[in-house]
N, C-alpha and C. Protein backbone atom coordinates (compact mmCIF):
# COMPACT_ATOMS: atom_id res chain seq x y z
N UNK A 1 59.79 -187.73 38.16
CA UNK A 1 58.40 -187.63 38.12
C UNK A 1 58.29 -186.22 37.32
N UNK A 2 57.59 -185.91 36.20
CA UNK A 2 57.55 -184.44 35.59
C UNK A 2 55.09 -184.29 36.01
N UNK A 3 55.54 -182.65 35.77
CA UNK A 3 53.86 -182.34 36.23
C UNK A 3 53.71 -181.44 34.97
N UNK A 4 52.33 -181.88 34.30
CA UNK A 4 51.76 -180.78 33.71
C UNK A 4 51.43 -179.59 34.42
N UNK A 5 51.04 -178.45 33.84
CA UNK A 5 50.78 -176.84 34.69
C UNK A 5 49.60 -177.30 35.31
N UNK A 6 48.39 -178.29 35.11
CA UNK A 6 47.33 -177.87 36.03
C UNK A 6 47.61 -179.01 37.22
N UNK A 7 48.77 -179.86 37.11
CA UNK A 7 48.98 -180.44 38.45
C UNK A 7 49.86 -179.65 39.02
N UNK A 8 50.77 -179.44 38.54
CA UNK A 8 51.88 -178.22 39.01
C UNK A 8 50.83 -176.82 40.22
N UNK A 9 49.82 -176.54 39.42
CA UNK A 9 48.90 -175.74 40.95
C UNK A 9 48.37 -176.28 41.47
N UNK A 10 48.09 -177.56 41.08
CA UNK A 10 47.48 -178.43 42.07
C UNK A 10 48.14 -178.85 43.60
N UNK A 11 49.34 -178.99 42.70
CA UNK A 11 50.24 -179.27 43.83
C UNK A 11 50.78 -177.88 45.03
N UNK A 12 50.59 -176.89 44.44
CA UNK A 12 51.50 -175.70 45.10
C UNK A 12 50.02 -175.00 46.06
N UNK A 13 48.83 -175.86 45.04
CA UNK A 13 48.06 -175.56 46.38
C UNK A 13 47.90 -176.34 47.74
N UNK A 14 47.80 -177.79 47.25
CA UNK A 14 47.70 -178.47 48.64
C UNK A 14 48.90 -178.11 49.15
N UNK A 15 49.98 -177.50 48.69
CA UNK A 15 51.22 -177.35 49.22
C UNK A 15 50.91 -176.53 50.80
N UNK A 16 50.20 -175.08 50.18
CA UNK A 16 49.85 -174.29 50.97
C UNK A 16 49.08 -174.78 51.98
N UNK A 17 48.00 -175.52 51.77
CA UNK A 17 46.66 -176.40 52.35
C UNK A 17 47.59 -176.40 53.91
N UNK A 18 48.66 -177.30 53.51
CA UNK A 18 48.74 -178.02 54.64
C UNK A 18 49.79 -177.50 55.14
N UNK A 19 50.61 -176.39 54.90
CA UNK A 19 51.30 -175.25 55.51
C UNK A 19 50.75 -174.62 56.39
N UNK A 20 48.99 -173.86 55.92
CA UNK A 20 47.94 -173.61 56.37
C UNK A 20 47.51 -174.19 57.72
N UNK A 21 47.43 -175.76 57.37
CA UNK A 21 47.15 -176.25 59.15
C UNK A 21 47.93 -176.49 59.85
N UNK A 22 49.44 -176.80 59.12
CA UNK A 22 50.86 -176.52 60.10
C UNK A 22 50.82 -175.31 60.86
N UNK A 23 50.43 -174.32 60.23
CA UNK A 23 49.98 -173.42 61.24
C UNK A 23 49.77 -172.13 61.96
N UNK A 24 48.01 -173.36 61.48
CA UNK A 24 47.20 -172.86 62.46
C UNK A 24 47.20 -174.02 63.98
N UNK A 25 48.00 -174.91 63.85
CA UNK A 25 48.62 -176.19 64.82
C UNK A 25 49.80 -174.89 65.44
N UNK A 26 50.48 -174.60 64.57
CA UNK A 26 51.66 -174.16 65.36
C UNK A 26 51.27 -171.86 66.02
N UNK A 27 50.86 -171.93 65.70
CA UNK A 27 49.86 -170.20 66.30
C UNK A 27 48.59 -170.64 67.21
N UNK A 28 47.91 -171.36 66.54
CA UNK A 28 46.80 -171.47 67.40
C UNK A 28 46.10 -172.45 68.05
N UNK A 29 46.66 -173.43 67.63
CA UNK A 29 46.69 -174.59 68.21
C UNK A 29 47.71 -175.43 69.15
N UNK A 30 48.71 -175.18 69.67
CA UNK A 30 49.82 -175.73 69.82
C UNK A 30 50.46 -176.86 70.64
N UNK A 31 48.77 -177.55 71.13
CA UNK A 31 48.55 -178.87 71.65
C UNK A 31 47.70 -180.21 70.57
N UNK A 32 47.62 -179.36 69.52
CA UNK A 32 47.41 -180.76 68.82
C UNK A 32 48.33 -180.73 67.39
N UNK A 33 49.08 -182.24 68.13
CA UNK A 33 50.01 -182.43 67.31
C UNK A 33 49.43 -183.06 66.27
N UNK A 34 48.64 -183.67 65.70
CA UNK A 34 48.04 -183.68 64.52
C UNK A 34 48.23 -182.68 63.82
N UNK A 35 47.82 -181.47 63.86
CA UNK A 35 48.13 -180.64 62.61
C UNK A 35 49.38 -180.58 62.50
N UNK A 36 50.25 -180.15 63.15
CA UNK A 36 51.77 -180.41 62.99
C UNK A 36 52.32 -181.73 62.10
N UNK A 37 51.73 -182.67 62.32
CA UNK A 37 52.38 -184.29 61.85
C UNK A 37 51.76 -184.06 60.24
N UNK A 38 50.07 -183.34 60.45
CA UNK A 38 49.95 -182.95 58.72
C UNK A 38 50.67 -181.63 57.95
N UNK A 39 51.00 -181.21 58.92
CA UNK A 39 51.77 -180.14 58.01
C UNK A 39 53.24 -180.03 57.99
N UNK A 40 53.67 -181.25 58.23
CA UNK A 40 54.98 -182.15 57.68
C UNK A 40 54.89 -182.10 56.81
N UNK A 41 53.94 -182.40 55.91
CA UNK A 41 53.77 -182.69 54.51
C UNK A 41 54.17 -181.39 53.16
N UNK A 42 53.60 -180.29 53.77
CA UNK A 42 54.23 -179.34 53.27
C UNK A 42 55.40 -178.94 52.60
N UNK A 43 57.32 -178.81 53.62
CA UNK A 43 58.03 -178.16 52.92
C UNK A 43 58.45 -179.52 51.98
N UNK A 44 58.31 -180.77 51.31
CA UNK A 44 58.40 -181.02 50.60
C UNK A 44 58.43 -181.05 49.45
N UNK A 45 56.83 -180.61 49.32
CA UNK A 45 55.87 -180.37 47.98
C UNK A 45 56.46 -178.69 47.87
N UNK A 46 56.34 -177.85 48.61
CA UNK A 46 57.19 -176.10 47.79
C UNK A 46 58.66 -177.01 47.33
N UNK A 47 59.05 -177.85 47.92
CA UNK A 47 60.91 -177.97 47.69
C UNK A 47 60.76 -178.96 46.22
N UNK A 48 59.68 -179.83 45.98
CA UNK A 48 59.65 -179.98 44.74
C UNK A 48 59.45 -179.27 43.70
N UNK A 49 58.15 -178.74 43.67
CA UNK A 49 57.69 -177.90 42.95
C UNK A 49 58.81 -176.60 42.54
N UNK A 50 59.92 -176.31 43.63
CA UNK A 50 61.40 -175.41 43.07
C UNK A 50 61.59 -176.05 42.65
N UNK A 51 61.90 -177.04 42.65
CA UNK A 51 62.75 -178.25 41.65
C UNK A 51 62.28 -178.12 40.26
N UNK A 52 61.62 -178.77 40.33
CA UNK A 52 61.19 -179.27 38.62
C UNK A 52 60.72 -177.95 37.98
N UNK A 53 60.27 -176.98 39.06
CA UNK A 53 60.40 -175.66 38.47
C UNK A 53 61.37 -175.02 37.50
N UNK A 54 62.32 -175.25 38.08
CA UNK A 54 63.88 -175.03 37.17
C UNK A 54 64.37 -174.72 35.67
N UNK A 55 63.60 -175.70 35.68
CA UNK A 55 63.84 -176.46 34.17
C UNK A 55 63.00 -175.75 32.97
N UNK A 56 61.98 -175.76 33.31
CA UNK A 56 60.77 -174.41 32.83
C UNK A 56 61.27 -172.90 33.62
N UNK A 57 61.82 -172.52 34.18
CA UNK A 57 61.58 -170.99 34.62
C UNK A 57 63.42 -170.28 33.55
N UNK A 58 62.89 -169.43 32.58
CA UNK A 58 63.50 -168.57 31.97
C UNK A 58 64.33 -167.73 32.34
N UNK A 59 64.52 -166.85 33.07
CA UNK A 59 65.07 -165.90 34.69
C UNK A 59 65.66 -166.99 36.27
N UNK A 60 66.30 -168.28 36.00
CA UNK A 60 66.27 -168.71 37.47
C UNK A 60 67.14 -167.32 38.43
N UNK A 61 67.71 -166.40 37.64
CA UNK A 61 68.05 -165.31 39.02
C UNK A 61 66.81 -164.40 39.32
N UNK A 62 66.09 -164.63 38.66
CA UNK A 62 64.75 -163.77 38.77
C UNK A 62 64.09 -164.31 39.87
N UNK A 63 64.22 -165.64 39.83
CA UNK A 63 63.29 -166.52 40.71
C UNK A 63 64.29 -166.54 42.06
N UNK A 64 65.15 -166.33 42.04
CA UNK A 64 66.23 -166.02 43.28
C UNK A 64 65.97 -164.71 43.77
N UNK A 65 65.75 -163.78 42.96
CA UNK A 65 65.64 -162.43 43.34
C UNK A 65 64.04 -162.53 44.40
N UNK A 66 63.08 -162.88 43.53
CA UNK A 66 61.65 -163.10 44.41
C UNK A 66 61.59 -164.05 45.77
N UNK A 67 62.46 -164.61 45.56
CA UNK A 67 62.62 -165.46 47.22
C UNK A 67 63.58 -165.05 48.18
N UNK A 68 64.17 -164.05 47.96
CA UNK A 68 65.35 -163.04 48.68
C UNK A 68 63.77 -162.22 49.35
N UNK A 69 63.61 -161.49 48.23
CA UNK A 69 62.55 -160.40 48.79
C UNK A 69 61.54 -160.30 49.60
N UNK A 70 61.04 -161.73 49.47
CA UNK A 70 59.74 -162.02 50.43
C UNK A 70 60.08 -162.78 51.57
N UNK A 71 61.69 -163.12 50.99
CA UNK A 71 62.04 -163.38 52.66
C UNK A 71 62.14 -162.56 53.57
N UNK A 72 62.48 -161.68 52.70
CA UNK A 72 62.49 -160.00 54.03
C UNK A 72 61.45 -159.72 54.39
N UNK A 73 60.28 -159.70 53.65
CA UNK A 73 59.28 -159.39 53.49
C UNK A 73 58.33 -160.47 54.64
N UNK A 74 58.30 -161.31 54.55
CA UNK A 74 57.90 -162.59 55.37
C UNK A 74 58.62 -162.48 57.26
N UNK A 75 60.26 -161.75 57.75
CA UNK A 75 60.32 -162.49 58.54
C UNK A 75 60.17 -161.51 59.47
N UNK A 76 59.76 -160.23 59.65
CA UNK A 76 59.16 -159.84 60.88
C UNK A 76 57.63 -160.70 61.19
N UNK A 77 57.00 -160.87 60.19
CA UNK A 77 55.62 -161.47 60.99
C UNK A 77 55.91 -162.81 61.18
N UNK A 78 57.24 -163.61 60.46
CA UNK A 78 57.29 -165.00 60.80
C UNK A 78 57.90 -164.89 62.52
N UNK A 79 58.52 -163.76 62.66
CA UNK A 79 59.20 -163.73 64.36
C UNK A 79 58.57 -163.67 65.10
N UNK A 80 57.27 -162.62 64.85
CA UNK A 80 56.19 -162.89 65.89
C UNK A 80 55.39 -163.02 65.58
N UNK A 81 54.98 -163.85 64.62
CA UNK A 81 53.94 -164.98 64.78
C UNK A 81 53.47 -166.26 65.35
N UNK A 82 55.15 -166.31 65.40
CA UNK A 82 55.54 -167.86 66.27
C UNK A 82 56.02 -167.41 67.37
N UNK A 83 56.18 -165.92 67.27
CA UNK A 83 56.63 -166.25 68.93
C UNK A 83 58.37 -166.58 69.13
N UNK A 84 59.50 -166.30 68.41
CA UNK A 84 60.15 -166.65 68.53
C UNK A 84 61.38 -165.22 69.31
N UNK A 85 62.25 -165.63 69.68
CA UNK A 85 63.08 -164.54 70.62
C UNK A 85 64.22 -164.58 70.36
N UNK A 86 64.88 -165.49 69.39
CA UNK A 86 65.86 -165.78 68.59
C UNK A 86 66.15 -165.60 67.30
N UNK A 87 66.69 -165.77 66.63
CA UNK A 87 67.04 -165.40 64.89
C UNK A 87 66.66 -166.58 64.73
N UNK A 88 65.78 -166.69 63.36
CA UNK A 88 65.44 -168.15 62.17
C UNK A 88 65.02 -167.51 61.32
N UNK A 89 65.89 -168.15 60.63
CA UNK A 89 65.53 -166.99 58.55
C UNK A 89 63.89 -168.38 58.15
N UNK A 90 63.12 -167.28 58.22
CA UNK A 90 62.00 -167.91 58.03
C UNK A 90 61.71 -168.91 56.08
N UNK A 91 61.45 -169.33 56.05
CA UNK A 91 61.32 -170.79 54.69
C UNK A 91 61.38 -170.20 53.88
N UNK A 92 61.06 -169.07 53.01
CA UNK A 92 61.96 -168.14 51.74
C UNK A 92 63.54 -167.64 52.11
N UNK A 93 63.93 -168.04 52.61
CA UNK A 93 65.43 -167.94 52.87
C UNK A 93 66.10 -169.61 52.78
N UNK A 94 65.41 -170.22 52.96
CA UNK A 94 65.53 -171.25 53.08
C UNK A 94 65.70 -172.00 51.87
N UNK A 95 64.47 -171.84 51.09
CA UNK A 95 64.55 -171.99 49.14
C UNK A 95 65.66 -171.20 49.01
N UNK A 96 65.30 -170.09 49.10
CA UNK A 96 66.56 -169.15 48.58
C UNK A 96 68.21 -169.90 48.34
N UNK A 97 68.01 -170.17 49.41
CA UNK A 97 69.89 -170.92 49.51
C UNK A 97 70.28 -172.64 48.64
N UNK A 98 69.08 -173.13 48.75
CA UNK A 98 68.41 -174.29 47.98
C UNK A 98 68.52 -174.43 46.48
N UNK A 99 68.02 -173.13 46.06
CA UNK A 99 67.83 -172.93 44.26
C UNK A 99 68.88 -171.84 44.39
N UNK A 100 69.58 -171.48 44.96
CA UNK A 100 70.92 -170.85 44.45
C UNK A 100 71.98 -171.88 44.30
N UNK A 101 71.45 -173.02 45.19
CA UNK A 101 72.80 -174.37 45.22
C UNK A 101 72.45 -174.85 43.58
N UNK A 102 70.87 -175.14 43.25
CA UNK A 102 71.04 -175.54 41.94
C UNK A 102 71.57 -175.11 41.45
N UNK A 103 71.11 -173.30 41.12
CA UNK A 103 71.96 -172.97 39.75
C UNK A 103 73.36 -173.11 39.79
N UNK A 104 73.90 -172.83 41.40
CA UNK A 104 75.32 -173.22 40.80
C UNK A 104 75.85 -174.61 40.59
N UNK A 105 75.11 -175.62 41.00
CA UNK A 105 75.57 -177.05 39.88
C UNK A 105 75.35 -177.04 38.76
N UNK A 106 74.14 -176.16 38.51
CA UNK A 106 74.03 -176.49 36.67
C UNK A 106 74.63 -175.32 36.53
N UNK A 107 75.41 -174.23 36.98
CA UNK A 107 76.63 -173.56 35.76
C UNK A 107 77.56 -174.12 36.77
N UNK A 108 77.59 -175.07 36.89
CA UNK A 108 79.44 -175.24 37.46
C UNK A 108 80.46 -174.25 38.10
N UNK A 109 79.20 -173.95 38.51
CA UNK A 109 80.03 -173.10 39.37
C UNK A 109 80.07 -173.74 41.14
N UNK A 110 80.92 -174.56 41.59
CA UNK A 110 81.20 -175.56 42.52
C UNK A 110 81.60 -175.10 43.66
N UNK A 111 82.54 -173.67 43.58
CA UNK A 111 82.57 -172.65 44.50
C UNK A 111 81.83 -172.06 44.86
N UNK A 112 80.46 -171.90 44.31
CA UNK A 112 79.87 -170.83 45.33
C UNK A 112 79.05 -172.02 46.19
N UNK A 113 78.62 -173.04 45.17
CA UNK A 113 77.85 -174.44 45.59
C UNK A 113 78.14 -174.68 47.28
N UNK A 114 79.79 -174.45 47.26
CA UNK A 114 80.35 -175.00 48.67
C UNK A 114 80.37 -174.00 49.45
N UNK A 115 79.65 -172.46 49.22
CA UNK A 115 79.74 -171.77 49.69
C UNK A 115 78.31 -171.65 50.16
N UNK A 116 76.96 -171.91 49.04
CA UNK A 116 75.47 -172.19 49.73
C UNK A 116 75.74 -173.71 51.17
N UNK A 117 76.35 -174.56 50.61
CA UNK A 117 76.04 -175.43 51.79
C UNK A 117 76.60 -174.95 52.69
N UNK A 118 77.37 -174.34 52.95
CA UNK A 118 78.12 -173.96 53.93
C UNK A 118 77.37 -172.39 55.14
N UNK A 119 76.98 -171.88 54.00
CA UNK A 119 75.60 -171.16 54.74
C UNK A 119 74.34 -171.62 55.06
N UNK A 120 73.92 -172.97 54.34
CA UNK A 120 72.86 -173.25 54.84
C UNK A 120 73.22 -174.43 56.39
N UNK A 121 74.53 -174.39 56.41
CA UNK A 121 75.06 -175.56 58.04
C UNK A 121 74.58 -173.86 58.51
N UNK A 122 75.14 -173.35 58.34
CA UNK A 122 75.84 -171.41 59.76
C UNK A 122 74.75 -171.27 60.14
N UNK A 123 73.83 -171.05 59.31
CA UNK A 123 72.96 -170.13 60.17
C UNK A 123 71.72 -170.18 59.93
N UNK A 124 71.17 -169.46 61.01
CA UNK A 124 69.77 -170.69 61.10
C UNK A 124 68.16 -170.65 60.35
N UNK A 125 68.77 -171.32 59.05
CA UNK A 125 67.32 -171.15 58.06
C UNK A 125 67.01 -172.24 59.04
N UNK A 126 64.76 -172.00 58.64
CA UNK A 126 64.14 -172.63 58.78
C UNK A 126 64.67 -174.53 58.13
N UNK A 127 64.28 -175.39 59.13
CA UNK A 127 64.53 -176.79 58.52
C UNK A 127 66.45 -176.90 57.84
N UNK A 128 67.33 -176.15 58.09
CA UNK A 128 68.33 -175.88 58.07
C UNK A 128 69.18 -176.66 56.89
N UNK A 129 70.70 -177.40 56.45
CA UNK A 129 70.73 -177.41 55.63
C UNK A 129 69.37 -178.78 55.16
N UNK A 130 69.26 -179.66 55.88
CA UNK A 130 67.92 -180.49 55.11
C UNK A 130 67.07 -179.78 54.74
N UNK A 131 66.55 -178.70 54.70
CA UNK A 131 65.77 -178.38 53.76
C UNK A 131 66.62 -177.40 52.16
N UNK A 132 67.60 -177.40 52.69
CA UNK A 132 68.02 -176.30 51.66
C UNK A 132 69.00 -177.66 50.57
N UNK A 133 69.00 -178.61 51.15
CA UNK A 133 69.40 -179.92 49.86
C UNK A 133 68.01 -180.52 49.21
N UNK A 134 66.95 -180.21 50.07
CA UNK A 134 65.65 -181.19 49.46
C UNK A 134 65.64 -180.86 47.98
N UNK A 135 65.42 -179.24 47.78
CA UNK A 135 65.31 -179.17 46.70
C UNK A 135 66.24 -179.52 45.43
N UNK A 136 67.20 -179.51 45.85
CA UNK A 136 68.93 -180.15 45.11
C UNK A 136 68.86 -181.82 45.04
N UNK A 137 67.97 -182.73 45.64
CA UNK A 137 68.23 -183.83 45.86
C UNK A 137 66.62 -184.07 44.34
N UNK A 138 65.68 -183.16 44.58
CA UNK A 138 64.51 -183.58 43.87
C UNK A 138 65.23 -183.27 42.78
N UNK A 139 65.86 -182.01 42.19
CA UNK A 139 66.54 -182.02 40.88
C UNK A 139 67.10 -182.51 39.86
N UNK A 140 68.26 -183.24 40.95
CA UNK A 140 69.37 -183.71 40.40
C UNK A 140 69.02 -185.53 40.02
N UNK A 141 68.07 -185.86 40.58
CA UNK A 141 67.93 -187.30 40.70
C UNK A 141 65.87 -186.73 40.09
N UNK A 142 65.98 -186.24 38.98
CA UNK A 142 64.21 -185.75 38.64
C UNK A 142 64.15 -186.71 37.84
N UNK A 143 64.52 -187.99 36.66
CA UNK A 143 64.44 -188.29 36.07
C UNK A 143 64.35 -189.64 36.63
N UNK A 144 64.57 -190.05 37.93
CA UNK A 144 64.72 -191.16 38.63
C UNK A 144 63.76 -191.22 39.87
N UNK A 145 62.94 -191.49 39.82
CA UNK A 145 61.88 -191.13 40.82
C UNK A 145 62.18 -192.05 42.42
N UNK A 146 62.71 -193.49 41.33
CA UNK A 146 62.48 -194.55 42.83
C UNK A 146 63.93 -193.74 43.88
N UNK A 147 64.94 -193.44 43.35
CA UNK A 147 66.51 -192.96 43.84
C UNK A 147 66.15 -191.41 44.31
N UNK A 148 64.89 -191.06 43.65
CA UNK A 148 64.21 -189.39 44.49
C UNK A 148 63.84 -189.62 45.85
N UNK A 149 62.74 -190.78 45.53
CA UNK A 149 62.32 -191.21 46.94
C UNK A 149 63.26 -191.09 47.93
N UNK A 150 63.56 -192.32 47.49
CA UNK A 150 64.92 -193.08 48.76
C UNK A 150 65.46 -192.32 49.31
N UNK A 151 66.46 -191.18 48.77
CA UNK A 151 67.29 -189.87 48.80
C UNK A 151 66.57 -189.07 50.06
N UNK A 152 65.33 -188.83 49.03
CA UNK A 152 64.38 -187.66 50.57
C UNK A 152 63.60 -188.95 51.26
N UNK A 153 63.69 -190.47 51.95
CA UNK A 153 63.03 -190.73 52.63
C UNK A 153 64.29 -190.86 53.57
N UNK A 154 66.00 -191.16 53.28
CA UNK A 154 67.05 -191.30 54.06
C UNK A 154 67.32 -190.11 54.33
N UNK A 155 67.06 -188.59 54.22
CA UNK A 155 67.73 -187.65 54.89
C UNK A 155 66.09 -186.99 55.55
N UNK A 156 64.93 -187.60 55.41
CA UNK A 156 63.75 -186.66 56.06
C UNK A 156 63.93 -187.61 57.97
N UNK A 157 64.46 -189.13 57.38
CA UNK A 157 64.85 -190.17 58.56
C UNK A 157 66.06 -189.50 59.38
N UNK A 158 66.65 -189.29 58.11
CA UNK A 158 68.10 -188.72 59.13
C UNK A 158 67.88 -187.67 60.36
N UNK A 159 66.95 -186.75 59.63
CA UNK A 159 66.89 -184.81 60.51
C UNK A 159 65.88 -185.24 61.38
N UNK A 160 64.81 -186.52 61.22
CA UNK A 160 63.55 -186.55 62.14
C UNK A 160 64.57 -187.24 63.38
N UNK A 161 65.50 -188.35 63.13
CA UNK A 161 66.49 -188.99 64.69
C UNK A 161 67.55 -187.82 65.11
N UNK A 162 67.73 -186.96 64.50
CA UNK A 162 68.65 -186.04 64.85
C UNK A 162 67.55 -185.13 65.75
N UNK A 163 67.17 -184.08 64.95
CA UNK A 163 66.52 -182.74 65.62
C UNK A 163 64.60 -183.38 66.06
N UNK A 164 63.86 -183.25 64.77
CA UNK A 164 62.75 -183.19 64.88
C UNK A 164 62.27 -184.17 64.46
N UNK A 165 61.68 -185.00 65.75
CA UNK A 165 60.93 -186.46 65.33
C UNK A 165 59.71 -186.43 64.72
N UNK A 166 59.01 -185.50 64.50
CA UNK A 166 57.48 -185.38 63.50
C UNK A 166 57.86 -185.25 61.91
N UNK A 167 59.01 -184.76 61.81
CA UNK A 167 59.46 -184.61 60.34
C UNK A 167 59.69 -186.16 59.56
N UNK A 168 60.03 -186.97 60.25
CA UNK A 168 59.33 -188.28 59.49
C UNK A 168 58.15 -188.54 58.46
N UNK A 169 56.79 -187.59 59.27
CA UNK A 169 55.88 -187.49 58.57
C UNK A 169 55.41 -187.22 57.05
N UNK A 170 57.35 -186.43 56.75
CA UNK A 170 56.73 -185.77 55.66
C UNK A 170 57.21 -186.88 54.47
N UNK A 171 57.63 -188.05 54.97
CA UNK A 171 57.68 -188.84 53.65
C UNK A 171 56.05 -189.08 53.10
N UNK A 172 55.51 -188.86 53.57
CA UNK A 172 53.73 -189.26 53.14
C UNK A 172 53.76 -188.32 52.07
N UNK A 173 54.32 -186.80 51.49
CA UNK A 173 54.53 -185.93 50.38
C UNK A 173 54.90 -186.53 49.26
N UNK A 174 55.52 -188.02 49.15
CA UNK A 174 55.90 -188.58 48.13
C UNK A 174 54.16 -189.17 47.82
N UNK A 175 53.43 -189.73 48.61
CA UNK A 175 51.97 -190.05 48.37
C UNK A 175 51.18 -188.96 48.21
N UNK A 176 50.97 -187.78 48.41
CA UNK A 176 50.76 -186.71 47.62
C UNK A 176 50.76 -186.49 46.37
N UNK A 177 52.41 -186.45 45.85
CA UNK A 177 52.73 -186.67 44.36
C UNK A 177 52.15 -186.63 43.53
N UNK A 178 52.42 -189.04 43.96
CA UNK A 178 51.68 -190.16 43.44
C UNK A 178 50.26 -189.20 42.88
N UNK A 179 49.55 -189.41 43.92
CA UNK A 179 48.63 -188.95 43.52
C UNK A 179 48.09 -187.67 42.53
N UNK A 180 48.71 -186.53 43.10
CA UNK A 180 48.93 -185.68 42.11
C UNK A 180 48.85 -185.89 40.28
N UNK A 181 50.26 -186.33 40.63
CA UNK A 181 50.81 -187.01 39.17
C UNK A 181 49.32 -187.98 38.27
N UNK A 182 48.58 -188.81 39.40
CA UNK A 182 48.48 -189.58 38.28
C UNK A 182 46.41 -189.24 38.16
N UNK A 183 46.24 -187.74 38.93
CA UNK A 183 45.51 -186.34 38.54
C UNK A 183 45.29 -186.33 37.74
N UNK A 184 44.34 -185.29 36.60
CA UNK A 184 44.28 -184.64 35.60
C UNK A 184 44.73 -183.46 36.03
N UNK A 185 44.69 -183.17 37.71
CA UNK A 185 44.96 -181.49 38.78
C UNK A 185 43.60 -180.91 38.01
N UNK A 186 43.61 -179.47 38.87
CA UNK A 186 42.94 -178.93 39.10
C UNK A 186 42.86 -177.60 37.93
N UNK A 187 42.09 -177.17 37.01
CA UNK A 187 42.40 -176.66 35.71
C UNK A 187 42.04 -175.15 36.71
N UNK A 188 43.19 -174.64 37.37
CA UNK A 188 42.96 -173.20 37.76
C UNK A 188 44.33 -172.03 37.21
N UNK A 189 43.72 -171.14 36.90
CA UNK A 189 45.11 -170.17 37.00
C UNK A 189 45.03 -169.45 38.24
N UNK A 190 46.31 -169.85 38.80
CA UNK A 190 46.27 -168.66 40.09
C UNK A 190 48.16 -167.98 39.47
N UNK A 191 47.84 -166.71 40.30
CA UNK A 191 48.71 -165.90 40.23
C UNK A 191 50.25 -166.48 40.72
N UNK A 192 51.00 -166.30 40.37
CA UNK A 192 52.47 -166.53 41.02
C UNK A 192 52.29 -165.78 42.22
N UNK A 193 51.49 -164.34 42.07
CA UNK A 193 52.15 -163.09 43.21
C UNK A 193 51.72 -163.99 44.68
N UNK A 194 50.07 -164.73 44.47
CA UNK A 194 48.86 -165.51 45.16
C UNK A 194 50.05 -166.38 46.11
N UNK A 195 51.32 -166.81 45.34
CA UNK A 195 52.02 -168.24 46.39
C UNK A 195 53.09 -167.24 46.57
N UNK A 196 53.57 -166.49 46.59
CA UNK A 196 54.23 -165.67 47.20
C UNK A 196 54.14 -164.90 48.07
N UNK A 197 52.67 -164.67 48.34
CA UNK A 197 52.05 -163.34 49.11
C UNK A 197 51.25 -164.27 50.10
N UNK A 198 50.91 -165.20 49.56
CA UNK A 198 50.14 -165.78 50.99
C UNK A 198 50.35 -166.20 52.17
N UNK A 199 52.18 -166.66 51.90
CA UNK A 199 53.10 -166.80 53.39
C UNK A 199 52.78 -165.84 54.58
N UNK A 200 53.51 -164.71 54.49
CA UNK A 200 53.17 -163.04 55.37
C UNK A 200 51.72 -163.38 55.43
N UNK A 201 51.16 -163.15 54.78
CA UNK A 201 49.71 -163.10 55.00
C UNK A 201 48.94 -163.51 56.12
N UNK A 202 49.16 -165.33 55.81
CA UNK A 202 48.01 -165.71 56.44
C UNK A 202 49.04 -165.98 58.06
N UNK A 203 50.28 -165.93 58.37
CA UNK A 203 51.05 -165.55 59.29
C UNK A 203 50.17 -164.82 59.76
N UNK A 204 50.07 -163.49 59.51
CA UNK A 204 49.84 -162.05 60.35
C UNK A 204 47.81 -162.33 60.59
N UNK A 205 47.11 -163.26 59.59
CA UNK A 205 45.93 -163.08 60.02
C UNK A 205 45.71 -163.94 61.38
N UNK A 206 47.07 -164.87 61.43
CA UNK A 206 46.60 -166.42 61.72
C UNK A 206 47.11 -165.63 63.65
N UNK A 207 48.22 -164.46 63.45
CA UNK A 207 48.60 -164.09 64.90
C UNK A 207 48.00 -163.32 65.41
N UNK A 208 46.87 -162.37 64.58
CA UNK A 208 45.59 -161.86 65.48
C UNK A 208 44.16 -162.26 64.88
N UNK A 209 43.99 -163.58 64.72
CA UNK A 209 43.68 -164.31 65.62
C UNK A 209 43.57 -164.88 67.08
N UNK A 210 44.76 -164.98 66.62
CA UNK A 210 45.77 -165.59 68.32
C UNK A 210 45.63 -164.32 69.34
N UNK A 211 45.87 -163.01 69.17
CA UNK A 211 45.73 -162.41 69.92
C UNK A 211 43.60 -162.11 70.37
N UNK A 212 43.09 -162.25 68.89
CA UNK A 212 41.68 -161.90 69.34
C UNK A 212 41.29 -163.40 70.34
N UNK A 213 41.49 -164.47 70.44
CA UNK A 213 40.73 -165.22 70.65
C UNK A 213 42.02 -165.47 72.58
N UNK A 214 43.08 -165.19 72.86
CA UNK A 214 43.20 -165.56 73.39
C UNK A 214 43.79 -164.36 74.89
């Protein structure tokens, strides 16, 4: 399932919207479970966008650098905003390891790929190894949408049964993908820095609102 540029921008903006809803629930209204349910759609959309963008990226190592850099920038806001007392690495680091694994597979550096799998399993990444493998699944099965969905649904169901029951609602992300694919998309031009910078910025804003309201 490929997307044109307008559809890709639409998908990114929808992913940000679902993420915002999720984090409003996580930071401001943790008792409203519906916000977290809707928010489960966000991460698969980010993972999918990262995976399909791989083939159109001139310099994947530059992409890795950006993911790692914004992971560093976002870590303190992430920890403080969600009130975490134990180390957990934010979503940029999850996407960084997943993208590095895709790159290792493409370059046939299977030793590096094995290290990425170990890293994704051993260190406290948001979504853990499930989050690392989603971009890989979407990338490897990009020409087989049915297999892509089945692999995604299986991984999501397993993650939901073992770690996070609400994650099962992430399968709704594929409905969003289908709708985006069937529409022309938004003909808007959005800087890539907006997509990177929105993550730490919105967490800071929500935390300030939390302190102000609370």
